[in-house]
């Protein structure tokens, strides 16, 4: 898997990879994976089928699959399932699908990908997902968030120790834990626990961008050790940091 040496950008709830890909073993991960093999076909294999992909292919959450043939280059989006809503219910079950996307819509997707990384702003991944599923028009407007939730986001951003509990964050909001969880999920688009995990991964990426030490990245991001970071990385994306070529380039995109 040493071919993985591309550009990796992590936002809030999404990761985008652009570059060469290597084969993988069968694996599954929580993130929904979208493959854009516009520069050449990808070979994606499940336990039931082989897919030679020349269009947009979606691998559902926790679907066992592997890339069975290395590719010189590919574009992959990994996105938090909670950010994909009504029209993609089938992606949360064991499915893999080549999408039938109209030509005009496909052109808009290709143009967006062609302008990466120029367009890789904080909401690049979400904008890309909305091009794929245009009826998914919901978009988090952080300026319109309840001030109590806004303050909780600021508190998380400001803390150096991300091993914080829900009760610690809730205590300053004046809300009950159940009300806070409901309001947070409704306004942010994902549960508090999922949000905190993405913040940890962002901090790990930031550390890896300047220092290749997994141990240091794990410590800074609030993971118990490098093994914990590697397991979480693999569970989310299907790769560990060690699978990435030393020439891979990490970038983070924070919320506005």
C-alpha atoms as a PDB file:
ATOM      1  CA  UNK A   1       0.000   0.000   0.000  1.00  0.00           C
ATOM      2  CA  UNK A   2       3.024   2.274  -0.361  1.00  0.00           C
ATOM      3  CA  UNK A   3       1.510   4.024  -3.411  1.00  0.00           C
ATOM      4  CA  UNK A   4      -0.578   6.325  -1.220  1.00  0.00           C
ATOM      5  CA  UNK A   5       1.366   9.556  -1.612  1.00  0.00           C
ATOM      6  CA  UNK A   6      -1.265  12.120  -2.571  1.00  0.00           C
ATOM      7  CA  UNK A   7      -2.773  15.225  -1.022  1.00  0.00           C
ATOM      8  CA  UNK A   8      -5.007  14.575   1.997  1.00  0.00           C
ATOM      9  CA  UNK A   9      -7.322  17.326   3.200  1.00  0.00           C
ATOM     10  CA  UNK A  10      -9.438  16.943   6.329  1.00  0.00           C
ATOM     11  CA  UNK A  11     -12.389  19.157   7.125  1.00  0.00           C
ATOM     12  CA  UNK A  12     -15.136  18.902   9.688  1.00  0.00           C
ATOM     13  CA  UNK A  13     -16.813  15.576   8.934  1.00  0.00           C
ATOM     14  CA  UNK A  14     -14.960  14.822   5.717  1.00  0.00           C
ATOM     15  CA  UNK A  15     -11.591  13.862   4.234  1.00  0.00           C
ATOM     16  CA  UNK A  16     -10.592  14.250   0.594  1.00  0.00           C
ATOM     17  CA  UNK A  17      -7.716  12.326  -1.007  1.00  0.00           C
ATOM     18  CA  UNK A  18      -6.250  13.204  -4.401  1.00  0.00           C
ATOM     19  CA  UNK A  19      -3.349  11.171  -5.776  1.00  0.00           C
ATOM     20  CA  UNK A  20      -2.038   7.677  -6.493  1.00  0.00           C
ATOM     21  CA  UNK A  21      -3.676   4.759  -4.724  1.00  0.00           C
ATOM     22  CA  UNK A  22      -2.419   1.315  -3.842  1.00  0.00           C
ATOM     23  CA  UNK A  23      -4.309  -1.925  -3.356  1.00  0.00           C
ATOM     24  CA  UNK A  24      -5.828  -2.572   0.053  1.00  0.00           C
ATOM     25  CA  UNK A  25      -6.879  -5.627   2.003  1.00  0.00           C
ATOM     26  CA  UNK A  26     -10.569  -6.130   2.691  1.00  0.00           C
ATOM     27  CA  UNK A  27     -11.626  -3.549   5.229  1.00  0.00           C
ATOM     28  CA  UNK A  28     -14.606  -1.516   6.309  1.00  0.00           C
ATOM     29  CA  UNK A  29     -14.901   1.917   7.823  1.00  0.00           C
ATOM     30  CA  UNK A  30     -17.512   4.187   9.323  1.00  0.00           C
ATOM     31  CA  UNK A  31     -17.159   6.962   6.751  1.00  0.00           C
ATOM     32  CA  UNK A  32     -19.097   6.730   3.507  1.00  0.00           C
ATOM     33  CA  UNK A  33     -16.526   6.592   0.675  1.00  0.00           C
ATOM     34  CA  UNK A  34     -17.094   8.214  -2.721  1.00  0.00           C
ATOM     35  CA  UNK A  35     -14.689   7.308  -5.552  1.00  0.00           C
ATOM     36  CA  UNK A  36     -14.131   9.643  -8.512  1.00  0.00           C
ATOM     37  CA  UNK A  37     -11.914   7.729 -11.004  1.00  0.00           C
ATOM     38  CA  UNK A  38     -12.099  10.341 -13.774  1.00  0.00           C
ATOM     39  CA  UNK A  39      -8.432   9.932 -14.690  1.00  0.00           C
ATOM     40  CA  UNK A  40      -8.737   6.159 -15.138  1.00  0.00           C
ATOM     41  CA  UNK A  41     -10.776   3.208 -13.861  1.00  0.00           C
ATOM     42  CA  UNK A  42     -10.627   1.911 -10.308  1.00  0.00           C
ATOM     43  CA  UNK A  43     -11.186  -1.714  -9.360  1.00  0.00           C
ATOM     44  CA  UNK A  44     -13.251  -1.995  -6.189  1.00  0.00           C
ATOM     45  CA  UNK A  45     -14.051  -5.448  -4.884  1.00  0.00           C
ATOM     46  CA  UNK A  46     -16.597  -6.648  -2.345  1.00  0.00           C
ATOM     47  CA  UNK A  47     -17.073 -10.225  -1.154  1.00  0.00           C
ATOM     48  CA  UNK A  48     -19.816 -10.579  -3.773  1.00  0.00           C
ATOM     49  CA  UNK A  49     -18.758  -8.492  -6.769  1.00  0.00           C
ATOM     50  CA  UNK A  50     -15.922  -6.794  -8.637  1.00  0.00           C
ATOM     51  CA  UNK A  51     -16.534  -3.262  -9.885  1.00  0.00           C
ATOM     52  CA  UNK A  52     -14.478  -1.671 -12.633  1.00  0.00           C
ATOM     53  CA  UNK A  53     -15.410   1.892 -11.867  1.00  0.00           C
ATOM     54  CA  UNK A  54     -15.364   4.645 -14.464  1.00  0.00           C
ATOM     55  CA  UNK A  55     -18.107   6.765 -12.915  1.00  0.00           C
ATOM     56  CA  UNK A  56     -18.904   7.897  -9.399  1.00  0.00           C
ATOM     57  CA  UNK A  57     -19.053   4.958  -7.005  1.00  0.00           C
ATOM     58  CA  UNK A  58     -20.262   5.076  -3.401  1.00  0.00           C
ATOM     59  CA  UNK A  59     -19.253   2.584  -0.728  1.00  0.00           C
ATOM     60  CA  UNK A  60     -21.705   2.626   2.164  1.00  0.00           C
ATOM     61  CA  UNK A  61     -20.782   2.907   5.821  1.00  0.00           C
ATOM     62  CA  UNK A  62     -19.201  -0.280   7.239  1.00  0.00           C
ATOM     63  CA  UNK A  63     -19.291  -2.113   3.897  1.00  0.00           C
ATOM     64  CA  UNK A  64     -16.415  -4.593   3.512  1.00  0.00           C
ATOM     65  CA  UNK A  65     -14.438  -3.798   0.340  1.00  0.00           C
ATOM     66  CA  UNK A  66     -10.965  -3.370  -1.097  1.00  0.00           C
ATOM     67  CA  UNK A  67      -9.192  -1.608  -3.933  1.00  0.00           C
ATOM     68  CA  UNK A  68      -7.906  -4.615  -5.824  1.00  0.00           C
ATOM     69  CA  UNK A  69      -5.753  -2.913  -8.489  1.00  0.00           C
ATOM     70  CA  UNK A  70      -3.449   0.049  -7.880  1.00  0.00           C
ATOM     71  CA  UNK A  71      -4.241   3.196  -9.846  1.00  0.00           C
ATOM     72  CA  UNK A  72      -1.895   5.992 -10.918  1.00  0.00           C
ATOM     73  CA  UNK A  73      -4.312   8.519  -9.500  1.00  0.00           C
ATOM     74  CA  UNK A  74      -7.784   8.775  -8.034  1.00  0.00           C
ATOM     75  CA  UNK A  75      -9.956  11.156  -6.069  1.00  0.00           C
ATOM     76  CA  UNK A  76     -11.683   9.848  -2.937  1.00  0.00           C
ATOM     77  CA  UNK A  77     -14.095  11.551  -0.547  1.00  0.00           C
ATOM     78  CA  UNK A  78     -14.725  10.110   2.913  1.00  0.00           C
ATOM     79  CA  UNK A  79     -17.696  11.704   4.642  1.00  0.00           C
ATOM     80  CA  UNK A  80     -19.434  11.384   8.006  1.00  0.00           C
ATOM     81  CA  UNK A  81     -22.667   9.388   7.465  1.00  0.00           C
ATOM     82  CA  UNK A  82     -24.608  11.787   9.697  1.00  0.00           C
ATOM     83  CA  UNK A  83     -23.957  14.544   7.150  1.00  0.00           C
ATOM     84  CA  UNK A  84     -25.701  12.523   4.433  1.00  0.00           C
ATOM     85  CA  UNK A  85     -29.391  12.584   5.101  1.00  0.00           C
ATOM     86  CA  UNK A  86     -32.771  11.595   3.638  1.00  0.00           C
ATOM     87  CA  UNK A  87     -31.960  10.410   0.118  1.00  0.00           C
ATOM     88  CA  UNK A  88     -29.026   8.228   1.154  1.00  0.00           C
ATOM     89  CA  UNK A  89     -30.594   5.931   3.730  1.00  0.00           C
ATOM     90  CA  UNK A  90     -29.494   2.929   1.654  1.00  0.00           C
ATOM     91  CA  UNK A  91     -25.841   3.911   2.116  1.00  0.00           C
ATOM     92  CA  UNK A  92     -26.015   3.071   5.806  1.00  0.00           C
ATOM     93  CA  UNK A  93     -26.672  -0.588   5.008  1.00  0.00           C
ATOM     94  CA  UNK A  94     -24.397  -3.076   3.249  1.00  0.00           C
ATOM     95  CA  UNK A  95     -24.352  -1.612  -0.237  1.00  0.00           C
ATOM     96  CA  UNK A  96     -21.988  -0.387  -2.894  1.00  0.00           C
ATOM     97  CA  UNK A  97     -23.365   1.540  -5.845  1.00  0.00           C
ATOM     98  CA  UNK A  98     -22.258   3.167  -9.091  1.00  0.00           C
ATOM     99  CA  UNK A  99     -24.352   6.321  -9.259  1.00  0.00           C
ATOM    100  CA  UNK A 100     -26.357   7.272 -12.332  1.00  0.00           C
ATOM    101  CA  UNK A 101     -25.585  10.984 -12.428  1.00  0.00           C
ATOM    102  CA  UNK A 102     -26.933  13.271 -15.205  1.00  0.00           C
ATOM    103  CA  UNK A 103     -24.300  14.756 -17.528  1.00  0.00           C
ATOM    104  CA  UNK A 104     -24.775  18.367 -16.359  1.00  0.00           C
ATOM    105  CA  UNK A 105     -24.464  17.342 -12.719  1.00  0.00           C
ATOM    106  CA  UNK A 106     -21.425  15.185 -13.478  1.00  0.00           C
ATOM    107  CA  UNK A 107     -19.770  18.132 -15.242  1.00  0.00           C
ATOM    108  CA  UNK A 108     -20.253  20.308 -12.144  1.00  0.00           C
ATOM    109  CA  UNK A 109     -18.650  17.602  -9.991  1.00  0.00           C
ATOM    110  CA  UNK A 110     -15.689  17.275 -12.372  1.00  0.00           C
ATOM    111  CA  UNK A 111     -15.182  21.054 -12.446  1.00  0.00           C
ATOM    112  CA  UNK A 112     -15.165  21.184  -8.666  1.00  0.00           C
ATOM    113  CA  UNK A 113     -12.599  18.397  -8.495  1.00  0.00           C
ATOM    114  CA  UNK A 114     -10.479  19.997 -11.224  1.00  0.00           C
ATOM    115  CA  UNK A 115     -10.189  23.190  -9.167  1.00  0.00           C
ATOM    116  CA  UNK A 116      -8.993  21.388  -6.052  1.00  0.00           C
ATOM    117  CA  UNK A 117      -7.031  22.454  -3.995  1.00  0.00           C
ATOM    118  CA  UNK A 118      -7.947  26.040  -4.965  1.00  0.00           C
ATOM    119  CA  UNK A 119     -11.521  25.369  -3.822  1.00  0.00           C
ATOM    120  CA  UNK A 120     -10.567  23.236  -0.814  1.00  0.00           C
ATOM    121  CA  UNK A 121     -12.078  25.585   1.712  1.00  0.00           C
ATOM    122  CA  UNK A 122     -13.595  24.606   5.041  1.00  0.00           C
ATOM    123  CA  UNK A 123     -16.796  23.209   3.499  1.00  0.00           C
ATOM    124  CA  UNK A 124     -15.295  21.664   0.333  1.00  0.00           C
ATOM    125  CA  UNK A 125     -16.320  18.121   1.268  1.00  0.00           C
ATOM    126  CA  UNK A 126     -19.877  19.109   2.133  1.00  0.00           C
ATOM    127  CA  UNK A 127     -20.242  21.136  -1.067  1.00  0.00           C
ATOM    128  CA  UNK A 128     -19.010  18.142  -3.045  1.00  0.00           C
ATOM    129  CA  UNK A 129     -21.525  15.864  -1.300  1.00  0.00           C
ATOM    130  CA  UNK A 130     -24.335  18.297  -2.129  1.00  0.00           C
ATOM    131  CA  UNK A 131     -23.338  18.152  -5.801  1.00  0.00           C
ATOM    132  CA  UNK A 132     -23.669  14.369  -5.673  1.00  0.00           C
ATOM    133  CA  UNK A 133     -26.951  14.458  -3.741  1.00  0.00           C
ATOM    134  CA  UNK A 134     -28.386  17.898  -4.638  1.00  0.00           C
ATOM    135  CA  UNK A 135     -31.580  17.414  -2.636  1.00  0.00           C
ATOM    136  CA  UNK A 136     -29.393  17.330   0.462  1.00  0.00           C
ATOM    137  CA  UNK A 137     -29.626  21.098   0.774  1.00  0.00           C
ATOM    138  CA  UNK A 138     -29.054  21.349   4.498  1.00  0.00           C
ATOM    139  CA  UNK A 139     -25.998  23.368   5.351  1.00  0.00           C
ATOM    140  CA  UNK A 140     -24.733  24.357   8.742  1.00  0.00           C
ATOM    141  CA  UNK A 141     -24.702  28.129   9.153  1.00  0.00           C
ATOM    142  CA  UNK A 142     -22.414  28.682  12.099  1.00  0.00           C
ATOM    143  CA  UNK A 143     -23.466  32.319  12.378  1.00  0.00           C
ATOM    144  CA  UNK A 144     -27.053  31.213  13.128  1.00  0.00           C
ATOM    145  CA  UNK A 145     -26.223  28.627  15.794  1.00  0.00           C
ATOM    146  CA  UNK A 146     -27.703  28.921  19.271  1.00  0.00           C
ATOM    147  CA  UNK A 147     -25.228  30.973  21.363  1.00  0.00           C
ATOM    148  CA  UNK A 148     -24.943  28.138  23.906  1.00  0.00           C
ATOM    149  CA  UNK A 149     -23.885  25.685  21.214  1.00  0.00           C
ATOM    150  CA  UNK A 150     -21.601  28.301  19.685  1.00  0.00           C
ATOM    151  CA  UNK A 151     -19.908  28.701  23.055  1.00  0.00           C
ATOM    152  CA  UNK A 152     -19.446  24.951  23.376  1.00  0.00           C
ATOM    153  CA  UNK A 153     -17.690  24.912  19.987  1.00  0.00           C
ATOM    154  CA  UNK A 154     -15.407  27.726  21.136  1.00  0.00           C
ATOM    155  CA  UNK A 155     -14.662  25.847  24.358  1.00  0.00           C
ATOM    156  CA  UNK A 156     -13.689  22.735  22.396  1.00  0.00           C
ATOM    157  CA  UNK A 157     -11.484  24.736  20.048  1.00  0.00           C
ATOM    158  CA  UNK A 158      -9.749  26.405  22.975  1.00  0.00           C
ATOM    159  CA  UNK A 159      -9.014  23.316  25.059  1.00  0.00           C
ATOM    160  CA  UNK A 160      -5.645  21.626  24.785  1.00  0.00           C
ATOM    161  CA  UNK A 161      -6.970  18.382  26.255  1.00  0.00           C
ATOM    162  CA  UNK A 162      -9.611  16.838  24.001  1.00  0.00           C
ATOM    163  CA  UNK A 163     -10.280  14.044  26.492  1.00  0.00           C
ATOM    164  CA  UNK A 164     -13.230  16.043  27.710  1.00  0.00           C
ATOM    165  CA  UNK A 165     -16.615  14.659  28.612  1.00  0.00           C
ATOM    166  CA  UNK A 166     -20.047  15.797  27.562  1.00  0.00           C
ATOM    167  CA  UNK A 167     -20.776  16.807  31.146  1.00  0.00           C
ATOM    168  CA  UNK A 168     -17.807  19.193  31.157  1.00  0.00           C
ATOM    169  CA  UNK A 169     -19.082  20.959  28.053  1.00  0.00           C
ATOM    170  CA  UNK A 170     -22.724  20.933  29.131  1.00  0.00           C
ATOM    171  CA  UNK A 171     -21.993  22.457  32.543  1.00  0.00           C
ATOM    172  CA  UNK A 172     -21.445  25.945  31.127  1.00  0.00           C
ATOM    173  CA  UNK A 173     -24.391  25.864  28.729  1.00  0.00           C
ATOM    174  CA  UNK A 174     -27.253  25.873  31.223  1.00  0.00           C
ATOM    175  CA  UNK A 175     -28.882  22.997  29.325  1.00  0.00           C
ATOM    176  CA  UNK A 176     -29.630  19.476  30.447  1.00  0.00           C
ATOM    177  CA  UNK A 177     -27.429  16.805  28.912  1.00  0.00           C
ATOM    178  CA  UNK A 178     -30.288  15.379  26.837  1.00  0.00           C
ATOM    179  CA  UNK A 179     -31.351  18.811  25.557  1.00  0.00           C
ATOM    180  CA  UNK A 180     -27.747  19.716  24.735  1.00  0.00           C
ATOM    181  CA  UNK A 181     -27.207  16.470  22.782  1.00  0.00           C
ATOM    182  CA  UNK A 182     -30.385  17.018  20.765  1.00  0.00           C
ATOM    183  CA  UNK A 183     -29.667  20.685  20.042  1.00  0.00           C
ATOM    184  CA  UNK A 184     -26.007  20.048  19.192  1.00  0.00           C
ATOM    185  CA  UNK A 185     -26.825  17.265  16.732  1.00  0.00           C
ATOM    186  CA  UNK A 186     -29.645  19.252  15.115  1.00  0.00           C
ATOM    187  CA  UNK A 187     -27.546  22.372  14.588  1.00  0.00           C
ATOM    188  CA  UNK A 188     -24.119  20.908  13.827  1.00  0.00           C
ATOM    189  CA  UNK A 189     -25.275  17.939  11.752  1.00  0.00           C
ATOM    190  CA  UNK A 190     -23.592  15.230  13.810  1.00  0.00           C
ATOM    191  CA  UNK A 191     -23.650  14.016  17.423  1.00  0.00           C
ATOM    192  CA  UNK A 192     -21.304  15.604  19.962  1.00  0.00           C
ATOM    193  CA  UNK A 193     -19.178  12.453  20.178  1.00  0.00           C
ATOM    194  CA  UNK A 194     -18.704  12.332  16.396  1.00  0.00           C
ATOM    195  CA  UNK A 195     -17.847  16.029  16.268  1.00  0.00           C
ATOM    196  CA  UNK A 196     -15.224  15.631  18.972  1.00  0.00           C
ATOM    197  CA  UNK A 197     -13.661  12.700  17.095  1.00  0.00           C
ATOM    198  CA  UNK A 198     -13.301  14.804  13.933  1.00  0.00           C
ATOM    199  CA  UNK A 199     -11.649  17.594  15.937  1.00  0.00           C
ATOM    200  CA  UNK A 200      -9.184  15.033  17.309  1.00  0.00           C
ATOM    201  CA  UNK A 201      -8.447  13.749  13.817  1.00  0.00           C
ATOM    202  CA  UNK A 202      -7.953  17.309  12.576  1.00  0.00           C
ATOM    203  CA  UNK A 203      -5.386  17.942  15.298  1.00  0.00           C
ATOM    204  CA  UNK A 204      -3.636  14.682  14.484  1.00  0.00           C
ATOM    205  CA  UNK A 205      -3.479  15.702  10.804  1.00  0.00           C
ATOM    206  CA  UNK A 206      -2.086  19.108  11.764  1.00  0.00           C
ATOM    207  CA  UNK A 207       0.650  17.443  13.770  1.00  0.00           C
ATOM    208  CA  UNK A 208       1.458  14.915  11.044  1.00  0.00           C
ATOM    209  CA  UNK A 209       1.696  17.745   8.522  1.00  0.00           C
ATOM    210  CA  UNK A 210       4.691  19.170  10.361  1.00  0.00           C
ATOM    211  CA  UNK A 211       6.027  16.151  12.229  1.00  0.00           C
ATOM    212  CA  UNK A 212       5.892  12.502  11.151  1.00  0.00           C
ATOM    213  CA  UNK A 213       5.835  11.231  14.736  1.00  0.00           C
ATOM    214  CA  UNK A 214       2.655   9.241  15.360  1.00  0.00           C
ATOM    215  CA  UNK A 215       3.335   9.309  19.087  1.00  0.00           C
ATOM    216  CA  UNK A 216       3.426  13.098  19.147  1.00  0.00           C
ATOM    217  CA  UNK A 217       0.339  13.371  16.928  1.00  0.00           C
ATOM    218  CA  UNK A 218      -1.576  10.985  19.206  1.00  0.00           C
ATOM    219  CA  UNK A 219      -0.590  12.960  22.310  1.00  0.00           C
ATOM    220  CA  UNK A 220      -1.531  16.331  20.810  1.00  0.00           C
ATOM    221  CA  UNK A 221      -4.879  15.048  19.528  1.00  0.00           C
ATOM    222  CA  UNK A 222      -5.935  13.347  22.749  1.00  0.00           C
ATOM    223  CA  UNK A 223      -5.519   9.702  21.756  1.00  0.00           C
ATOM    224  CA  UNK A 224      -4.134   7.348  24.385  1.00  0.00           C
ATOM    225  CA  UNK A 225      -1.170   6.322  22.204  1.00  0.00           C
ATOM    226  CA  UNK A 226      -0.072   5.912  18.579  1.00  0.00           C
ATOM    227  CA  UNK A 227      -1.837   2.539  18.321  1.00  0.00           C
ATOM    228  CA  UNK A 228      -5.113   4.152  19.371  1.00  0.00           C
ATOM    229  CA  UNK A 229      -4.666   6.848  16.707  1.00  0.00           C
ATOM    230  CA  UNK A 230      -3.833   4.240  14.045  1.00  0.00           C
ATOM    231  CA  UNK A 231      -6.870   2.112  14.928  1.00  0.00           C
ATOM    232  CA  UNK A 232      -9.176   5.132  14.816  1.00  0.00           C
ATOM    233  CA  UNK A 233      -7.663   6.315  11.540  1.00  0.00           C
ATOM    234  CA  UNK A 234      -8.177   2.884   9.990  1.00  0.00           C
ATOM    235  CA  UNK A 235     -11.708   2.490  11.348  1.00  0.00           C
ATOM    236  CA  UNK A 236     -12.642   5.852   9.810  1.00  0.00           C
ATOM    237  CA  UNK A 237     -10.785   5.739   6.477  1.00  0.00           C
ATOM    238  CA  UNK A 238      -9.627   2.155   5.939  1.00  0.00           C
ATOM    239  CA  UNK A 239      -5.941   3.134   6.100  1.00  0.00           C
ATOM    240  CA  UNK A 240      -3.502   3.752   8.920  1.00  0.00           C
ATOM    241  CA  UNK A 241      -1.062   6.687   8.881  1.00  0.00           C
ATOM    242  CA  UNK A 242       1.703   4.130   8.317  1.00  0.00           C
ATOM    243  CA  UNK A 243       0.037   3.062   5.047  1.00  0.00           C
ATOM    244  CA  UNK A 244       0.601   6.521   3.611  1.00  0.00           C
ATOM    245  CA  UNK A 245       3.750   7.205   1.670  1.00  0.00           C
ATOM    246  CA  UNK A 246       6.207   9.567   3.372  1.00  0.00           C
ATOM    247  CA  UNK A 247       5.538  12.019   0.523  1.00  0.00           C
ATOM    248  CA  UNK A 248       1.815  12.261   1.329  1.00  0.00           C
ATOM    249  CA  UNK A 249       0.761  15.841   2.034  1.00  0.00           C
ATOM    250  CA  UNK A 250      -1.654  16.665   4.882  1.00  0.00           C
ATOM    251  CA  UNK A 251      -3.851  19.776   5.008  1.00  0.00           C
ATOM    252  CA  UNK A 252      -6.642  20.751   7.406  1.00  0.00           C
ATOM    253  CA  UNK A 253      -9.684  22.912   6.754  1.00  0.00           C
ATOM    254  CA  UNK A 254     -11.417  24.294   9.826  1.00  0.00           C
ATOM    255  CA  UNK A 255     -14.950  25.592  10.110  1.00  0.00           C
ATOM    256  CA  UNK A 256     -15.352  29.240   9.262  1.00  0.00           C
END
